[in-house]
C-alpha atoms as a PDB file:
ATOM      1  CA  MET A   1      78.669 106.344  79.155  1.00  0.00           C
ATOM      2  CA  SER A   2      81.849 107.766  80.719  1.00  0.00           C
ATOM      3  CA  ASP A   3      84.486 105.102  81.253  1.00  0.00           C
ATOM      4  CA  LYS A   4      85.798 107.029  84.285  1.00  0.00           C
ATOM      5  CA  LEU A   5      82.560 107.714  86.160  1.00  0.00           C
ATOM      6  CA  ILE A   6      81.576 105.216  88.848  1.00  0.00           C
ATOM      7  CA  LYS A   7      77.875 105.288  89.755  1.00  0.00           C
ATOM      8  CA  ILE A   8      76.907 104.398  93.332  1.00  0.00           C
ATOM      9  CA  ALA A   9      73.340 103.927  94.550  1.00  0.00           C
ATOM     10  CA  TYR A  10      72.880 104.804  98.234  1.00  0.00           C
ATOM     11  CA  LEU A  11      69.564 103.294  99.329  1.00  0.00           C
ATOM     12  CA  TYR A  12      67.581 105.547 101.690  1.00  0.00           C
ATOM     13  CA  GLU A  13      70.552 107.701 102.664  1.00  0.00           C
ATOM     14  CA  ASP A  14      68.201 110.191 104.344  1.00  0.00           C
ATOM     15  CA  LEU A  15      66.672 107.500 106.592  1.00  0.00           C
ATOM     16  CA  MET A  16      69.289 104.763 107.015  1.00  0.00           C
ATOM     17  CA  ASN A  17      72.533 106.380 108.129  1.00  0.00           C
ATOM     18  CA  THR A  18      73.402 105.609 111.764  1.00  0.00           C
ATOM     19  CA  TYR A  19      76.848 105.647 113.347  1.00  0.00           C
ATOM     20  CA  GLY A  20      78.557 107.181 110.337  1.00  0.00           C
ATOM     21  CA  ASP A  21      77.630 104.572 107.747  1.00  0.00           C
ATOM     22  CA  SER A  22      77.855 107.234 105.028  1.00  0.00           C
ATOM     23  CA  GLY A  23      81.586 107.149 105.708  1.00  0.00           C
ATOM     24  CA  ASP A  24      81.737 103.838 103.844  1.00  0.00           C
ATOM     25  CA  VAL A  25      80.664 105.570 100.644  1.00  0.00           C
ATOM     26  CA  LYS A  26      83.052 108.478 101.232  1.00  0.00           C
ATOM     27  CA  ILE A  27      85.959 106.085 101.713  1.00  0.00           C
ATOM     28  CA  LEU A  28      85.115 104.220  98.514  1.00  0.00           C
ATOM     29  CA  SER A  29      84.862 107.518  96.621  1.00  0.00           C
ATOM     30  CA  PHE A  30      88.308 108.521  97.906  1.00  0.00           C
ATOM     31  CA  LEU A  31      89.901 105.201  96.961  1.00  0.00           C
ATOM     32  CA  LEU A  32      88.253 105.229  93.533  1.00  0.00           C
ATOM     33  CA  LYS A  33      89.510 108.792  92.971  1.00  0.00           C
ATOM     34  CA  ARG A  34      93.005 107.520  93.725  1.00  0.00           C
ATOM     35  CA  GLU A  35      92.480 104.922  90.985  1.00  0.00           C
ATOM     36  CA  GLY A  36      91.505 107.654  88.517  1.00  0.00           C
ATOM     37  CA  TYR A  37      87.713 107.440  88.743  1.00  0.00           C
ATOM     38  CA  ASP A  38      85.106 110.053  89.574  1.00  0.00           C
ATOM     39  CA  THR A  39      82.013 108.986  91.536  1.00  0.00           C
ATOM     40  CA  GLN A  40      78.353 109.889  91.323  1.00  0.00           C
ATOM     41  CA  VAL A  41      76.333 108.963  94.425  1.00  0.00           C
ATOM     42  CA  ASP A  42      72.548 108.884  94.012  1.00  0.00           C
ATOM     43  CA  ASN A  43      70.260 108.810  97.043  1.00  0.00           C
ATOM     44  CA  ILE A  44      67.447 106.380  96.262  1.00  0.00           C
ATOM     45  CA  SER A  45      64.692 107.249  98.737  1.00  0.00           C
ATOM     46  CA  LEU A  46      60.955 106.819  99.264  1.00  0.00           C
ATOM     47  CA  GLY A  47      59.056 106.620  95.990  1.00  0.00           C
ATOM     48  CA  ASP A  48      62.127 106.912  93.759  1.00  0.00           C
ATOM     49  CA  ASP A  49      62.568 104.754  90.686  1.00  0.00           C
ATOM     50  CA  PHE A  50      65.554 102.437  90.853  1.00  0.00           C
ATOM     51  CA  ASN A  51      67.249  99.946  88.564  1.00  0.00           C
ATOM     52  CA  ALA A  52      70.273  98.376  90.240  1.00  0.00           C
ATOM     53  CA  PHE A  53      71.846  97.599  86.871  1.00  0.00           C
ATOM     54  CA  ASP A  54      72.307 101.334  86.221  1.00  0.00           C
ATOM     55  CA  TYR A  55      74.958 101.291  88.957  1.00  0.00           C
ATOM     56  CA  ASP A  56      78.392  99.906  89.679  1.00  0.00           C
ATOM     57  CA  PHE A  57      77.806  99.548  93.417  1.00  0.00           C
ATOM     58  CA  VAL A  58      74.827  99.565  95.793  1.00  0.00           C
ATOM     59  CA  PHE A  59      75.070 100.627  99.442  1.00  0.00           C
ATOM     60  CA  PHE A  60      72.427 100.282 102.162  1.00  0.00           C
ATOM     61  CA  GLY A  61      73.134 101.582 105.679  1.00  0.00           C
ATOM     62  CA  GLY A  62      71.579 101.043 109.097  1.00  0.00           C
ATOM     63  CA  GLY A  63      68.713 102.802 110.841  1.00  0.00           C
ATOM     64  CA  GLN A  64      66.556 102.834 113.945  1.00  0.00           C
ATOM     65  CA  ASP A  65      63.391 100.701 114.242  1.00  0.00           C
ATOM     66  CA  PHE A  66      61.017 103.502 113.170  1.00  0.00           C
ATOM     67  CA  GLU A  67      62.992 104.430 110.058  1.00  0.00           C
ATOM     68  CA  GLN A  68      63.498 100.760 109.263  1.00  0.00           C
ATOM     69  CA  THR A  69      59.736 100.194 109.428  1.00  0.00           C
ATOM     70  CA  VAL A  70      59.151 103.091 107.020  1.00  0.00           C
ATOM     71  CA  VAL A  71      61.794 101.847 104.600  1.00  0.00           C
ATOM     72  CA  ALA A  72      60.482  98.262 104.784  1.00  0.00           C
ATOM     73  CA  LYS A  73      57.144  99.430 103.337  1.00  0.00           C
ATOM     74  CA  ASP A  74      58.794 101.085 100.333  1.00  0.00           C
ATOM     75  CA  LEU A  75      61.589  98.582  99.700  1.00  0.00           C
ATOM     76  CA  PRO A  76      59.574  95.716  98.115  1.00  0.00           C
ATOM     77  CA  ARG A  77      59.281  97.773  94.908  1.00  0.00           C
ATOM     78  CA  HIS A  78      62.977  97.080  94.401  1.00  0.00           C
ATOM     79  CA  LYS A  79      63.038  93.386  95.244  1.00  0.00           C
ATOM     80  CA  ASP A  80      63.307  92.055  91.699  1.00  0.00           C
ATOM     81  CA  THR A  81      66.119  94.352  90.586  1.00  0.00           C
ATOM     82  CA  LEU A  82      68.118  93.802  93.795  1.00  0.00           C
ATOM     83  CA  LYS A  83      67.653  90.034  93.695  1.00  0.00           C
ATOM     84  CA  GLU A  84      68.857  89.856  90.100  1.00  0.00           C
ATOM     85  CA  TYR A  85      71.738  92.248  90.842  1.00  0.00           C
ATOM     86  CA  ILE A  86      72.946  90.278  93.889  1.00  0.00           C
ATOM     87  CA  ASN A  87      72.613  86.883  92.218  1.00  0.00           C
ATOM     88  CA  GLY A  88      74.479  88.259  89.214  1.00  0.00           C
ATOM     89  CA  ASP A  89      77.626  88.605  91.357  1.00  0.00           C
ATOM     90  CA  ASN A  90      77.485  92.394  91.471  1.00  0.00           C
ATOM     91  CA  PRO A  91      78.959  94.299  94.456  1.00  0.00           C
ATOM     92  CA  MET A  92      76.699  95.471  97.270  1.00  0.00           C
ATOM     93  CA  LEU A  93      77.347  96.368 100.908  1.00  0.00           C
ATOM     94  CA  CYS A  94      74.606  96.426 103.545  1.00  0.00           C
ATOM     95  CA  ILE A  95      75.178  97.558 107.126  1.00  0.00           C
ATOM     96  CA  CYS A  96      73.033  96.632 110.144  1.00  0.00           C
ATOM     97  CA  GLY A  97      69.395  97.437 109.254  1.00  0.00           C
ATOM     98  CA  GLY A  98      70.114  97.255 105.534  1.00  0.00           C
ATOM     99  CA  TYR A  99      71.653  93.828 106.059  1.00  0.00           C
ATOM    100  CA  GLN A 100      68.633  92.658 108.074  1.00  0.00           C
ATOM    101  CA  LEU A 101      66.138  93.803 105.434  1.00  0.00           C
ATOM    102  CA  MET A 102      67.706  91.585 102.782  1.00  0.00           C
ATOM    103  CA  GLY A 103      66.509  88.596 104.829  1.00  0.00           C
ATOM    104  CA  ASN A 104      63.088  87.100 105.431  1.00  0.00           C
ATOM    105  CA  TYR A 105      61.967  89.186 108.395  1.00  0.00           C
ATOM    106  CA  TYR A 106      62.890  91.316 111.398  1.00  0.00           C
ATOM    107  CA  LYS A 107      60.889  90.750 114.575  1.00  0.00           C
ATOM    108  CA  THR A 108      60.816  93.847 116.804  1.00  0.00           C
ATOM    109  CA  ASN A 109      60.833  94.037 120.598  1.00  0.00           C
ATOM    110  CA  SER A 110      57.068  94.631 120.571  1.00  0.00           C
ATOM    111  CA  GLY A 111      56.499  91.435 118.633  1.00  0.00           C
ATOM    112  CA  ILE A 112      55.808  93.122 115.315  1.00  0.00           C
ATOM    113  CA  THR A 113      57.281  91.278 112.337  1.00  0.00           C
ATOM    114  CA  ILE A 114      58.758  93.553 109.679  1.00  0.00           C
ATOM    115  CA  PRO A 115      58.947  91.633 106.382  1.00  0.00           C
ATOM    116  CA  GLY A 116      62.270  91.717 104.607  1.00  0.00           C
ATOM    117  CA  LEU A 117      62.864  91.219 100.901  1.00  0.00           C
ATOM    118  CA  GLY A 118      63.504  87.505 101.332  1.00  0.00           C
ATOM    119  CA  ILE A 119      66.428  87.614  98.916  1.00  0.00           C
ATOM    120  CA  LEU A 120      68.722  85.922 101.424  1.00  0.00           C
ATOM    121  CA  PRO A 121      67.718  83.018 103.713  1.00  0.00           C
ATOM    122  CA  LEU A 122      68.221  84.707 107.092  1.00  0.00           C
ATOM    123  CA  HIS A 123      66.095  86.332 109.779  1.00  0.00           C
ATOM    124  CA  THR A 124      66.596  88.737 112.668  1.00  0.00           C
ATOM    125  CA  VAL A 125      65.023  88.867 116.117  1.00  0.00           C
ATOM    126  CA  PHE A 126      65.248  91.920 118.397  1.00  0.00           C
ATOM    127  CA  LYS A 127      66.134  90.943 121.974  1.00  0.00           C
ATOM    128  CA  SER A 128      66.010  93.905 124.343  1.00  0.00           C
ATOM    129  CA  ASP A 129      67.759  92.070 127.172  1.00  0.00           C
ATOM    130  CA  LYS A 130      70.886  91.507 125.093  1.00  0.00           C
ATOM    131  CA  ARG A 131      72.211  94.690 123.511  1.00  0.00           C
ATOM    132  CA  MET A 132      75.424  93.933 121.663  1.00  0.00           C
ATOM    133  CA  ILE A 133      77.558  97.030 121.880  1.00  0.00           C
ATOM    134  CA  GLY A 134      81.262  97.734 121.850  1.00  0.00           C
ATOM    135  CA  ASP A 135      84.450  97.192 119.909  1.00  0.00           C
ATOM    136  CA  THR A 136      84.537  94.195 117.646  1.00  0.00           C
ATOM    137  CA  ARG A 137      87.290  92.261 115.883  1.00  0.00           C
ATOM    138  CA  TYR A 138      86.994  89.397 113.444  1.00  0.00           C
ATOM    139  CA  MET A 139      89.015  87.603 110.803  1.00  0.00           C
ATOM    140  CA  THR A 140      87.941  87.724 107.146  1.00  0.00           C
ATOM    141  CA  GLU A 141      89.458  86.319 103.959  1.00  0.00           C
ATOM    142  CA  TRP A 142      91.138  89.737 103.574  1.00  0.00           C
ATOM    143  CA  GLY A 143      92.584  89.781 107.085  1.00  0.00           C
ATOM    144  CA  GLU A 144      91.508  91.164 110.444  1.00  0.00           C
ATOM    145  CA  VAL A 145      88.780  93.785 110.786  1.00  0.00           C
ATOM    146  CA  LYS A 146      88.354  96.195 113.695  1.00  0.00           C
ATOM    147  CA  ALA A 147      85.040  97.999 114.039  1.00  0.00           C
ATOM    148  CA  PHE A 148      82.173  98.928 116.382  1.00  0.00           C
ATOM    149  CA  GLU A 149      78.789  97.263 116.872  1.00  0.00           C
ATOM    150  CA  ASN A 150      75.621  98.530 118.540  1.00  0.00           C
ATOM    151  CA  HIS A 151      72.540  96.388 117.956  1.00  0.00           C
ATOM    152  CA  SER A 152      69.894  94.332 119.718  1.00  0.00           C
ATOM    153  CA  GLY A 153      68.877  92.507 116.562  1.00  0.00           C
ATOM    154  CA  GLN A 154      70.277  88.994 116.387  1.00  0.00           C
ATOM    155  CA  THR A 155      70.638  87.575 112.894  1.00  0.00           C
ATOM    156  CA  TYR A 156      70.521  83.856 112.088  1.00  0.00           C
ATOM    157  CA  PHE A 157      71.148  82.051 108.802  1.00  0.00           C
ATOM    158  CA  ASP A 158      68.247  79.843 107.713  1.00  0.00           C
ATOM    159  CA  ASP A 159      70.386  78.023 105.140  1.00  0.00           C
ATOM    160  CA  LYS A 160      73.934  77.565 106.412  1.00  0.00           C
ATOM    161  CA  ASP A 161      74.911  75.584 103.328  1.00  0.00           C
ATOM    162  CA  LYS A 162      74.128  78.551 101.082  1.00  0.00           C
ATOM    163  CA  LEU A 163      75.272  81.429 103.285  1.00  0.00           C
ATOM    164  CA  HIS A 164      78.734  82.041 104.673  1.00  0.00           C
ATOM    165  CA  SER A 165      79.819  84.573 107.257  1.00  0.00           C
ATOM    166  CA  LEU A 166      81.995  87.578 106.528  1.00  0.00           C
ATOM    167  CA  GLY A 167      84.344  86.580 109.334  1.00  0.00           C
ATOM    168  CA  ASP A 168      85.025  84.609 112.519  1.00  0.00           C
ATOM    169  CA  MET A 169      84.773  86.551 115.772  1.00  0.00           C
ATOM    170  CA  ILE A 170      87.837  87.415 117.830  1.00  0.00           C
ATOM    171  CA  GLU A 171      86.146  90.040 120.033  1.00  0.00           C
ATOM    172  CA  GLY A 172      82.504  91.093 120.256  1.00  0.00           C
ATOM    173  CA  TYR A 173      79.249  89.411 119.231  1.00  0.00           C
ATOM    174  CA  GLY A 174      78.725  89.776 115.475  1.00  0.00           C
ATOM    175  CA  ASN A 175      75.509  88.260 114.116  1.00  0.00           C
ATOM    176  CA  ASN A 176      74.410  86.805 117.446  1.00  0.00           C
ATOM    177  CA  PRO A 177      75.907  85.523 120.715  1.00  0.00           C
ATOM    178  CA  GLN A 178      75.728  81.842 119.735  1.00  0.00           C
ATOM    179  CA  ASP A 179      77.334  81.488 116.310  1.00  0.00           C
ATOM    180  CA  HIS A 180      80.537  83.528 116.882  1.00  0.00           C
ATOM    181  CA  VAL A 181      80.550  84.885 113.343  1.00  0.00           C
ATOM    182  CA  GLU A 182      80.117  88.343 111.880  1.00  0.00           C
ATOM    183  CA  GLY A 183      78.114  89.367 108.873  1.00  0.00           C
ATOM    184  CA  LEU A 184      77.544  87.647 105.568  1.00  0.00           C
ATOM    185  CA  HIS A 185      79.566  87.180 102.391  1.00  0.00           C
ATOM    186  CA  TYR A 186      77.381  85.810  99.602  1.00  0.00           C
ATOM    187  CA  ARG A 187      78.694  86.043  96.042  1.00  0.00           C
ATOM    188  CA  ASN A 188      79.814  89.722  95.938  1.00  0.00           C
ATOM    189  CA  PHE A 189      77.256  90.820  98.533  1.00  0.00           C
ATOM    190  CA  ILE A 190      78.519  91.786 101.985  1.00  0.00           C
ATOM    191  CA  GLY A 191      76.269  92.279 104.998  1.00  0.00           C
ATOM    192  CA  SER A 192      77.704  93.429 108.318  1.00  0.00           C
ATOM    193  CA  TYR A 193      76.942  94.853 111.748  1.00  0.00           C
ATOM    194  CA  SER A 194      80.205  96.803 111.650  1.00  0.00           C
ATOM    195  CA  HIS A 195      79.974 100.561 112.038  1.00  0.00           C
ATOM    196  CA  GLY A 196      82.828 102.932 112.521  1.00  0.00           C
ATOM    197  CA  PRO A 197      82.614 102.877 109.429  1.00  0.00           C
ATOM    198  CA  LEU A 198      83.485  99.336 108.326  1.00  0.00           C
ATOM    199  CA  LEU A 199      85.604 100.471 105.393  1.00  0.00           C
ATOM    200  CA  LYS A 200      88.113 102.311 107.538  1.00  0.00           C
ATOM    201  CA  ASN A 201      89.546  98.787 107.324  1.00  0.00           C
ATOM    202  CA  THR A 202      91.258  99.380 104.009  1.00  0.00           C
ATOM    203  CA  ASN A 203      91.866  95.666 103.440  1.00  0.00           C
ATOM    204  CA  VAL A 204      88.099  95.236 102.999  1.00  0.00           C
ATOM    205  CA  ALA A 205      87.666  98.590 101.241  1.00  0.00           C
ATOM    206  CA  ASN A 206      90.329  97.801  98.637  1.00  0.00           C
ATOM    207  CA  ALA A 207      88.742  94.406  97.950  1.00  0.00           C
ATOM    208  CA  ILE A 208      85.403  96.116  97.293  1.00  0.00           C
ATOM    209  CA  VAL A 209      87.045  98.757  95.096  1.00  0.00           C
ATOM    210  CA  LYS A 210      88.389  95.991  92.851  1.00  0.00           C
ATOM    211  CA  LEU A 211      84.881  94.525  92.555  1.00  0.00           C
ATOM    212  CA  ILE A 212      83.416  97.947  91.734  1.00  0.00           C
ATOM    213  CA  ILE A 213      85.969  98.637  89.016  1.00  0.00           C
ATOM    214  CA  LYS A 214      85.379  95.213  87.468  1.00  0.00           C
ATOM    215  CA  ARG A 215      81.615  95.769  87.531  1.00  0.00           C
ATOM    216  CA  HIS A 216      82.095  99.230  85.977  1.00  0.00           C
ATOM    217  CA  ASN A 217      84.322  97.935  83.191  1.00  0.00           C
ATOM    218  CA  ASP A 218      81.846  95.159  82.409  1.00  0.00           C
ATOM    219  CA  ARG A 219      79.017  97.714  82.287  1.00  0.00           C
ATOM    220  CA  VAL A 220      80.982 100.057  80.002  1.00  0.00           C
ATOM    221  CA  ASN A 221      81.924  97.203  77.657  1.00  0.00           C
ATOM    222  CA  ALA A 222      78.317  96.005  77.498  1.00  0.00           C
ATOM    223  CA  SER A 223      77.151  99.525  76.667  1.00  0.00           C
ATOM    224  CA  GLU A 224      79.724  99.867  73.901  1.00  0.00           C
ATOM    225  CA  LYS A 225      78.661  96.570  72.330  1.00  0.00           C
ATOM    226  CA  VAL A 226      75.018  97.721  72.291  1.00  0.00           C
ATOM    227  CA  ALA A 227      76.094 100.965  70.603  1.00  0.00           C
ATOM    228  CA  GLU A 228      78.001  99.157  67.816  1.00  0.00           C
END
């Protein structure tokens, strides 16, 4: 294993990539290059085999309802590896639809319930009369974030003792109009409704880069011990 090659898994890049979410991966690749690392980005799509522990970072972007429905049928194959990866404190970023699918379910405007992976105790309900669109600002542990949101899905935490938001709203809606918080920060998992992309906010991007490098070094060291 190369000690200077960072491996990134991009889940369903061909289906879940609205509002420039792929820019998050490009920004991380740029920042990692500045730190002396090359990056390999693998698109994990319909029917592909996937083991999260082969990677240093997992990214899952947003998509429209139709694409999200298609992905939701294929995604359960990866539940076990993603659950173990997330609960093992490994870095992952999910935007919009990807964030929603980590929860218990997503109820569409037509009343159809799309099952999520159920890894995180949250759910999302589509409300067509309340589209949340526009500039958004919120305060995180790494400082202020400025981004853009465009969603009708409203996400609610089912276990507020276990889950904590990514940030407190200053401007915009975030998860929903009632809670005044944006996204989710659970262990080293981040879920967010922020497009634009999110990681143009280099305070957040640099924090994730540190997590990726730590994960990579741990993976390289584990591989070397096995080889001894």
